[in-house]
Amino acid sequence: MKNRREFVKMGIGGLGMAMFAPNVLFSANSLESLKAANKGKEGRALSENFVLNNGMKIPKIGLGVWKIDDSIVEDVIAEAFKIGYRHIDTAQAYGNERGVGEAVRKSGLKREEIFVTSKIRAEYKDYKSAMESLDNSLRTMGLSEIDLMLIHSPQPWSNFRGGDYFSENVEVYHALEDALKSGKVRAIGVSNFLEKDLENIFKNCSTKPAVNQILTHIGNTPFDLIDYCKEQEVLVEAYSPIAHGRLTKDAKIIQMSQKYNVTPAQLCVRYALSIGTLPLPKSKNPVHIAQNAAVDFELSNEDLEFLKNFNFNDYGEFSHYPSFKKR
């Protein structure tokens, strides 16, 4: 109950946004006006889709739930559904699949209206453990199918970027292919895969990954990898598009966001969309969740080029996470 109360308290307290520039997209600075905006043209990204290489539609913005405790994630997602989100991104490693499933099943929405992604633990590098973990994810979420299942990393996190694991990843991917054939999942893909890792899958597996989910944000955008994925018709999902919140403290990002009368986080989400990737912003705060989807503005060519060439790698206290470490 403590975590649930903290979520409610956070939602109420988050209505005052003096730290950010006033946002002219909204008629009033409140959660209800944000919800209304997201149901109008300001939040059109929530109702638009990318089309995966297997023909499936996937909402253009997803809610990331990394580091959101299982005890409150149901409430967070319930609020996101009210705002208009229909795409939730979780993982076995996040430890909140149960709450995600509860939110989906209690939403009152049709199952086909919600897109759920999860990921095989990075440490599972054989067919058996991958398939068993996938079955456990289905049981934990209480769902009959998962919309998109990914290999979380080409290496275990303890050895991230330290080896190739080519044969092991093929085994795990074969498990995903079999799950696809049996109807346990609707689409399959990968996360944190480099070009060489993708080529290994292309060469040794029969189903092309629908998605490659990678760290992508202003100041750290792997353009070569993104271009390669686009050439191969693999959608790039941008995780940590706000650099785990660190970009909101950068003076130049704040200055540009003021120019557009948006928050720094909105600028980051708009950037991810502008370069053709699918952003997965994460927040527990209902106001921030709503703001992150209200991004119906366009960056000028000049500003977009500036952001493409921006340099940022200050992850502060989050630098110890493998995906944030300099390589």
Protein backbone atom coordinates (compact mmCIF):
# COMPACT_ATOMS: atom_id res chain seq x y z
CA MET A 1 0.00 0.00 0.00
CA LYS A 2 2.88 2.37 0.67
CA ASN A 3 4.06 2.29 -2.94
CA ARG A 4 0.52 2.72 -4.22
CA ARG A 5 0.04 5.81 -2.00
CA GLU A 6 3.38 7.18 -3.20
CA PHE A 7 2.16 6.87 -6.80
CA VAL A 8 -1.07 8.72 -6.05
CA LYS A 9 0.82 11.39 -4.10
CA MET A 10 3.30 11.77 -6.94
CA GLY A 11 0.53 12.21 -9.47
CA ILE A 12 -1.10 15.00 -7.50
CA GLY A 13 2.15 16.71 -6.66
CA GLY A 14 3.29 16.57 -10.27
CA LEU A 15 0.68 19.06 -11.44
CA GLY A 16 2.92 22.01 -10.74
CA MET A 17 5.49 22.14 -13.53
CA ALA A 18 7.28 25.42 -12.83
CA MET A 19 10.61 23.76 -13.54
CA PHE A 20 9.67 23.51 -17.21
CA ALA A 21 8.78 26.08 -19.81
CA PRO A 22 5.02 26.73 -20.17
CA ASN A 23 3.57 24.51 -22.87
CA VAL A 24 1.28 26.29 -25.30
CA LEU A 25 -0.03 22.95 -26.54
CA PHE A 26 -2.19 22.80 -23.42
CA SER A 27 -5.03 25.08 -22.38
CA ALA A 28 -4.26 24.50 -18.70
CA ASN A 29 -1.38 23.00 -16.79
CA SER A 30 -3.26 20.07 -15.28
CA LEU A 31 -3.51 16.35 -15.75
CA GLU A 32 -7.08 16.56 -17.06
CA SER A 33 -6.15 19.12 -19.72
CA LEU A 34 -3.20 16.95 -20.71
CA LYS A 35 -5.51 13.96 -21.11
CA ALA A 36 -7.81 16.05 -23.28
CA ALA A 37 -4.87 17.22 -25.37
CA ASN A 38 -3.73 13.65 -25.93
CA LYS A 39 -7.16 12.75 -27.24
CA GLY A 40 -6.90 15.61 -29.74
CA LYS A 41 -4.36 16.46 -32.38
CA GLU A 42 -1.67 17.24 -29.80
CA GLY A 43 -1.47 13.57 -28.92
CA ARG A 44 -1.85 12.14 -32.39
CA ALA A 45 1.33 10.06 -31.98
CA LEU A 46 -0.61 7.88 -29.55
CA SER A 47 -3.11 6.99 -32.27
CA GLU A 48 -0.58 6.58 -35.10
CA ASN A 49 1.33 3.40 -35.88
CA PHE A 50 4.45 2.07 -37.47
CA VAL A 51 4.02 -1.04 -39.60
CA LEU A 52 6.39 -3.91 -38.80
CA ASN A 53 7.96 -6.05 -41.52
CA ASN A 54 5.35 -8.76 -40.86
CA GLY A 55 2.48 -6.34 -41.48
CA MET A 56 1.58 -5.80 -37.81
CA LYS A 57 0.85 -2.30 -36.56
CA ILE A 58 2.66 -0.98 -33.48
CA PRO A 59 1.79 2.34 -31.76
CA LYS A 60 4.38 5.04 -32.46
CA ILE A 61 5.02 5.77 -28.78
CA GLY A 62 5.29 3.19 -26.02
CA LEU A 63 5.46 3.46 -22.25
CA GLY A 64 8.67 2.02 -20.86
CA VAL A 65 8.34 0.48 -17.39
CA TRP A 66 11.98 -0.24 -16.50
CA LYS A 67 12.66 0.42 -12.80
CA ILE A 68 8.94 0.75 -12.00
CA ASP A 69 8.19 -1.57 -9.11
CA ASP A 70 5.69 -4.36 -9.64
CA SER A 71 3.64 -3.03 -6.72
CA ILE A 72 2.79 0.22 -8.55
CA VAL A 73 3.22 -0.57 -12.23
CA GLU A 74 -0.46 -1.58 -12.57
CA ASP A 75 -1.53 1.89 -11.37
CA VAL A 76 1.02 3.62 -13.61
CA ILE A 77 -0.20 1.74 -16.68
CA ALA A 78 -3.85 2.26 -15.78
CA GLU A 79 -3.19 6.00 -15.81
CA ALA A 80 -1.32 5.69 -19.11
CA PHE A 81 -4.29 3.89 -20.63
CA LYS A 82 -6.57 6.76 -19.54
CA ILE A 83 -4.18 9.18 -21.23
CA GLY A 84 -4.31 7.18 -24.46
CA TYR A 85 -1.26 4.92 -24.43
CA ARG A 86 -1.77 1.48 -25.95
CA HIS A 87 1.83 0.25 -26.09
CA ILE A 88 3.62 -1.07 -23.00
CA ASP A 89 7.26 -2.22 -22.97
CA THR A 90 8.41 -4.54 -20.18
CA ALA A 91 10.96 -7.36 -19.77
CA GLN A 92 11.55 -10.44 -17.68
CA ALA A 93 14.46 -8.63 -16.02
CA TYR A 94 12.24 -5.71 -14.94
CA GLY A 95 10.41 -7.91 -12.44
CA ASN A 96 7.05 -6.27 -13.16
CA GLU A 97 5.42 -8.53 -15.75
CA ARG A 98 2.75 -9.55 -13.22
CA GLY A 99 1.62 -5.96 -12.75
CA VAL A 100 1.73 -5.29 -16.48
CA GLY A 101 -0.54 -8.26 -17.11
CA GLU A 102 -2.92 -7.14 -14.36
CA ALA A 103 -3.17 -3.69 -15.92
CA VAL A 104 -3.91 -5.14 -19.35
CA ARG A 105 -6.54 -7.57 -18.08
CA LYS A 106 -8.27 -4.99 -15.88
CA SER A 107 -8.16 -2.16 -18.41
CA GLY A 108 -11.56 -2.77 -19.94
CA LEU A 109 -9.91 -2.45 -23.34
CA LYS A 110 -10.03 -5.16 -25.95
CA ARG A 111 -6.86 -7.22 -25.93
CA GLU A 112 -6.20 -6.41 -29.58
CA GLU A 113 -6.17 -2.71 -28.71
CA ILE A 114 -3.08 -3.10 -26.50
CA PHE A 115 0.45 -3.85 -27.68
CA VAL A 116 2.61 -5.62 -25.09
CA THR A 117 6.35 -6.18 -25.47
CA SER A 118 8.58 -8.27 -23.22
CA LYS A 119 12.13 -9.57 -23.46
CA ILE A 120 14.00 -12.81 -22.79
CA ARG A 121 16.54 -12.33 -20.00
CA ALA A 122 19.99 -11.52 -21.35
CA GLU A 123 21.46 -14.37 -19.32
CA TYR A 124 19.32 -17.01 -21.05
CA LYS A 125 21.42 -18.17 -23.98
CA ASP A 126 19.98 -21.57 -24.92
CA TYR A 127 16.74 -22.82 -26.47
CA LYS A 128 15.37 -24.51 -23.36
CA SER A 129 15.79 -21.64 -20.90
CA ALA A 130 14.50 -19.15 -23.46
CA MET A 131 11.33 -21.14 -24.17
CA GLU A 132 10.71 -21.90 -20.51
CA SER A 133 11.12 -18.24 -19.60
CA LEU A 134 8.73 -17.19 -22.37
CA ASP A 135 6.11 -19.63 -21.09
CA ASN A 136 6.66 -18.24 -17.60
CA SER A 137 6.17 -14.70 -18.88
CA LEU A 138 2.80 -15.71 -20.32
CA ARG A 139 1.78 -17.31 -17.02
CA THR A 140 3.04 -14.37 -14.97
CA MET A 141 1.16 -11.83 -17.09
CA GLY A 142 -1.91 -14.02 -17.42
CA LEU A 143 -1.97 -13.44 -21.17
CA SER A 144 -2.55 -15.94 -23.95
CA GLU A 145 -0.05 -14.23 -26.22
CA ILE A 146 2.63 -11.53 -26.19
CA ASP A 147 2.59 -9.06 -29.06
CA LEU A 148 6.37 -8.71 -29.35
CA MET A 149 9.12 -10.74 -27.68
CA LEU A 150 12.76 -9.69 -27.90
CA ILE A 151 16.17 -11.05 -26.98
CA HIS A 152 17.14 -8.47 -24.37
CA SER A 153 20.85 -8.37 -25.22
CA PRO A 154 23.29 -10.26 -27.45
CA GLN A 155 25.45 -10.83 -24.37
CA PRO A 156 24.64 -11.44 -20.70
CA TRP A 157 24.71 -8.09 -18.90
CA SER A 158 27.79 -9.16 -16.95
CA ASN A 159 29.69 -9.38 -20.25
CA PHE A 160 27.89 -6.72 -22.29
CA ARG A 161 29.78 -6.07 -25.56
CA GLY A 162 32.42 -8.53 -24.34
CA GLY A 163 31.80 -11.40 -26.74
CA ASP A 164 29.76 -12.45 -29.76
CA TYR A 165 27.57 -15.34 -28.48
CA PHE A 166 26.55 -16.02 -32.08
CA SER A 167 25.51 -19.68 -31.70
CA GLU A 168 23.77 -18.98 -28.38
CA ASN A 169 21.71 -16.14 -29.86
CA VAL A 170 20.66 -18.37 -32.74
CA GLU A 171 19.36 -20.92 -30.23
CA VAL A 172 17.36 -18.29 -28.38
CA TYR A 173 16.03 -16.87 -31.61
CA HIS A 174 14.95 -20.33 -32.76
CA ALA A 175 12.92 -20.53 -29.56
CA LEU A 176 11.28 -17.24 -30.47
CA GLU A 177 10.57 -18.52 -33.98
CA ASP A 178 8.89 -21.62 -32.57
CA ALA A 179 6.87 -19.48 -30.18
CA LEU A 180 5.79 -17.39 -33.16
CA LYS A 181 4.69 -20.49 -35.07
CA SER A 182 2.71 -21.78 -32.10
CA GLY A 183 0.91 -18.48 -31.54
CA LYS A 184 2.50 -17.62 -28.20
CA VAL A 185 3.84 -14.39 -29.67
CA ARG A 186 2.77 -12.27 -32.63
CA ALA A 187 6.15 -10.79 -33.55
CA ILE A 188 9.77 -11.33 -32.53
CA GLY A 189 12.90 -9.23 -32.47
CA VAL A 190 16.04 -8.22 -30.63
CA SER A 191 17.45 -5.52 -28.40
CA ASN A 192 20.92 -3.99 -28.15
CA PHE A 193 22.03 -5.90 -31.26
CA LEU A 194 24.84 -4.45 -33.37
CA GLU A 195 25.11 -4.97 -37.11
CA LYS A 196 27.22 -8.12 -36.69
CA ASP A 197 24.66 -9.57 -34.27
CA LEU A 198 21.84 -8.90 -36.72
CA GLU A 199 23.77 -10.41 -39.61
CA ASN A 200 24.18 -13.58 -37.56
CA ILE A 201 20.40 -13.83 -37.16
CA PHE A 202 19.76 -13.05 -40.83
CA LYS A 203 22.20 -15.79 -41.85
CA ASN A 204 21.07 -18.54 -39.50
CA CYS A 205 17.36 -17.94 -38.89
CA SER A 206 14.34 -17.83 -41.17
CA THR A 207 12.36 -14.96 -39.61
CA LYS A 208 13.73 -11.45 -39.86
CA PRO A 209 13.57 -9.53 -36.56
CA ALA A 210 10.69 -7.06 -36.58
CA VAL A 211 12.43 -4.73 -34.14
CA ASN A 212 15.84 -3.82 -32.77
CA GLN A 213 15.46 -1.88 -29.52
CA ILE A 214 18.57 0.19 -28.81
CA LEU A 215 19.79 3.07 -26.69
CA THR A 216 18.99 6.16 -28.75
CA HIS A 217 18.66 9.75 -27.64
CA ILE A 218 19.86 13.27 -28.38
CA GLY A 219 23.64 13.23 -28.08
CA ASN A 220 23.94 9.45 -28.44
CA THR A 221 22.35 8.33 -31.69
CA PRO A 222 23.92 5.36 -33.53
CA PHE A 223 23.05 6.58 -37.01
CA ASP A 224 24.97 3.88 -38.88
CA LEU A 225 23.15 1.13 -37.00
CA ILE A 226 19.79 2.87 -37.42
CA ASP A 227 20.38 3.24 -41.17
CA TYR A 228 21.37 -0.42 -41.43
CA CYS A 229 18.20 -1.49 -39.62
CA LYS A 230 16.08 0.68 -41.91
CA GLU A 231 17.72 -0.90 -44.97
CA GLN A 232 16.84 -4.32 -43.56
CA GLU A 233 13.26 -3.25 -42.74
CA VAL A 234 13.87 -3.67 -39.00
CA LEU A 235 12.13 -1.01 -36.92
CA VAL A 236 14.36 0.75 -34.40
CA GLU A 237 12.85 1.38 -30.99
CA ALA A 238 14.60 4.07 -28.97
CA TYR A 239 14.90 3.16 -25.32
CA SER A 240 15.91 5.79 -22.76
CA PRO A 241 15.05 8.58 -25.26
CA ILE A 242 15.48 11.11 -22.45
CA ALA A 243 18.77 9.54 -21.26
CA HIS A 244 17.14 8.36 -18.04
CA GLY A 245 16.09 11.95 -17.40
CA ARG A 246 19.58 13.40 -17.61
CA LEU A 247 18.90 15.39 -20.80
CA THR A 248 16.22 17.43 -19.03
CA LYS A 249 19.00 19.08 -17.01
CA ASP A 250 21.14 20.11 -19.97
CA ALA A 251 21.17 23.89 -20.49
CA LYS A 252 21.13 23.74 -24.30
CA ILE A 253 18.26 21.25 -24.37
CA ILE A 254 16.32 23.40 -21.91
CA GLN A 255 16.96 26.46 -24.08
CA MET A 256 15.71 24.75 -27.24
CA SER A 257 12.66 23.34 -25.49
CA GLN A 258 11.74 26.88 -24.42
CA LYS A 259 11.93 27.96 -28.05
CA TYR A 260 9.19 25.44 -28.88
CA ASN A 261 7.31 26.01 -25.61
CA VAL A 262 7.61 22.36 -24.67
CA THR A 263 9.37 20.45 -21.91
CA PRO A 264 12.90 19.09 -22.45
CA ALA A 265 11.44 15.58 -22.32
CA GLN A 266 8.96 16.41 -25.09
CA LEU A 267 11.82 17.72 -27.20
CA CYS A 268 13.62 14.40 -26.71
CA VAL A 269 10.57 12.33 -27.68
CA ARG A 270 9.94 14.50 -30.74
CA TYR A 271 13.58 14.04 -31.78
CA ALA A 272 13.27 10.25 -31.62
CA LEU A 273 10.17 10.36 -33.81
CA SER A 274 11.79 12.84 -36.21
CA ILE A 275 14.64 10.44 -36.98
CA GLY A 276 12.19 7.61 -37.69
CA THR A 277 12.51 5.65 -34.46
CA LEU A 278 9.88 4.56 -31.93
CA PRO A 279 10.47 6.23 -28.54
CA LEU A 280 9.81 4.42 -25.26
CA PRO A 281 9.78 7.20 -22.66
CA LYS A 282 9.50 6.02 -19.06
CA SER A 283 7.90 7.82 -16.14
CA LYS A 284 5.86 7.07 -13.04
CA ASN A 285 4.44 10.58 -12.92
CA PRO A 286 1.00 10.87 -14.63
CA VAL A 287 1.67 14.43 -15.80
CA HIS A 288 5.00 13.50 -17.33
CA ILE A 289 3.47 10.41 -18.95
CA ALA A 290 0.85 12.63 -20.57
CA GLN A 291 3.32 15.30 -21.62
CA ASN A 292 5.68 12.78 -23.20
CA ALA A 293 2.97 11.80 -25.68
CA ALA A 294 1.77 15.32 -26.53
CA VAL A 295 4.42 16.02 -29.15
CA ASP A 296 2.49 17.40 -32.10
CA PHE A 297 5.13 19.91 -33.11
CA GLU A 298 7.87 19.79 -35.73
CA LEU A 299 11.54 20.56 -35.29
CA SER A 300 13.06 22.91 -37.84
CA ASN A 301 15.66 21.37 -40.13
CA GLU A 302 18.31 23.55 -38.52
CA ASP A 303 17.40 22.47 -35.00
CA LEU A 304 17.13 18.81 -35.97
CA GLU A 305 20.62 18.93 -37.47
CA PHE A 306 21.92 20.60 -34.32
CA LEU A 307 20.42 17.83 -32.20
CA LYS A 308 21.79 15.13 -34.49
CA ASN A 309 25.28 16.49 -33.92
CA PHE A 310 24.80 17.16 -30.22
CA ASN A 311 27.17 15.36 -27.86
CA PHE A 312 25.91 14.02 -24.56
CA ASN A 313 27.09 11.11 -22.43
CA ASP A 314 26.66 12.32 -18.86
CA TYR A 315 24.54 9.59 -17.27
CA GLY A 316 25.59 10.58 -13.75
CA GLU A 317 24.52 8.06 -11.13
CA PHE A 318 23.12 5.80 -13.84
CA SER A 319 26.48 5.33 -15.57
CA HIS A 320 27.00 1.94 -13.93
CA TYR A 321 24.24 0.33 -16.02
CA PRO A 322 25.85 -1.76 -18.79
CA SER A 323 23.96 -0.10 -21.63
CA PHE A 324 25.07 3.36 -20.47
CA LYS A 325 28.74 2.56 -20.07
CA LYS A 326 31.16 4.06 -22.56
CA ARG A 327 32.58 1.52 -25.00
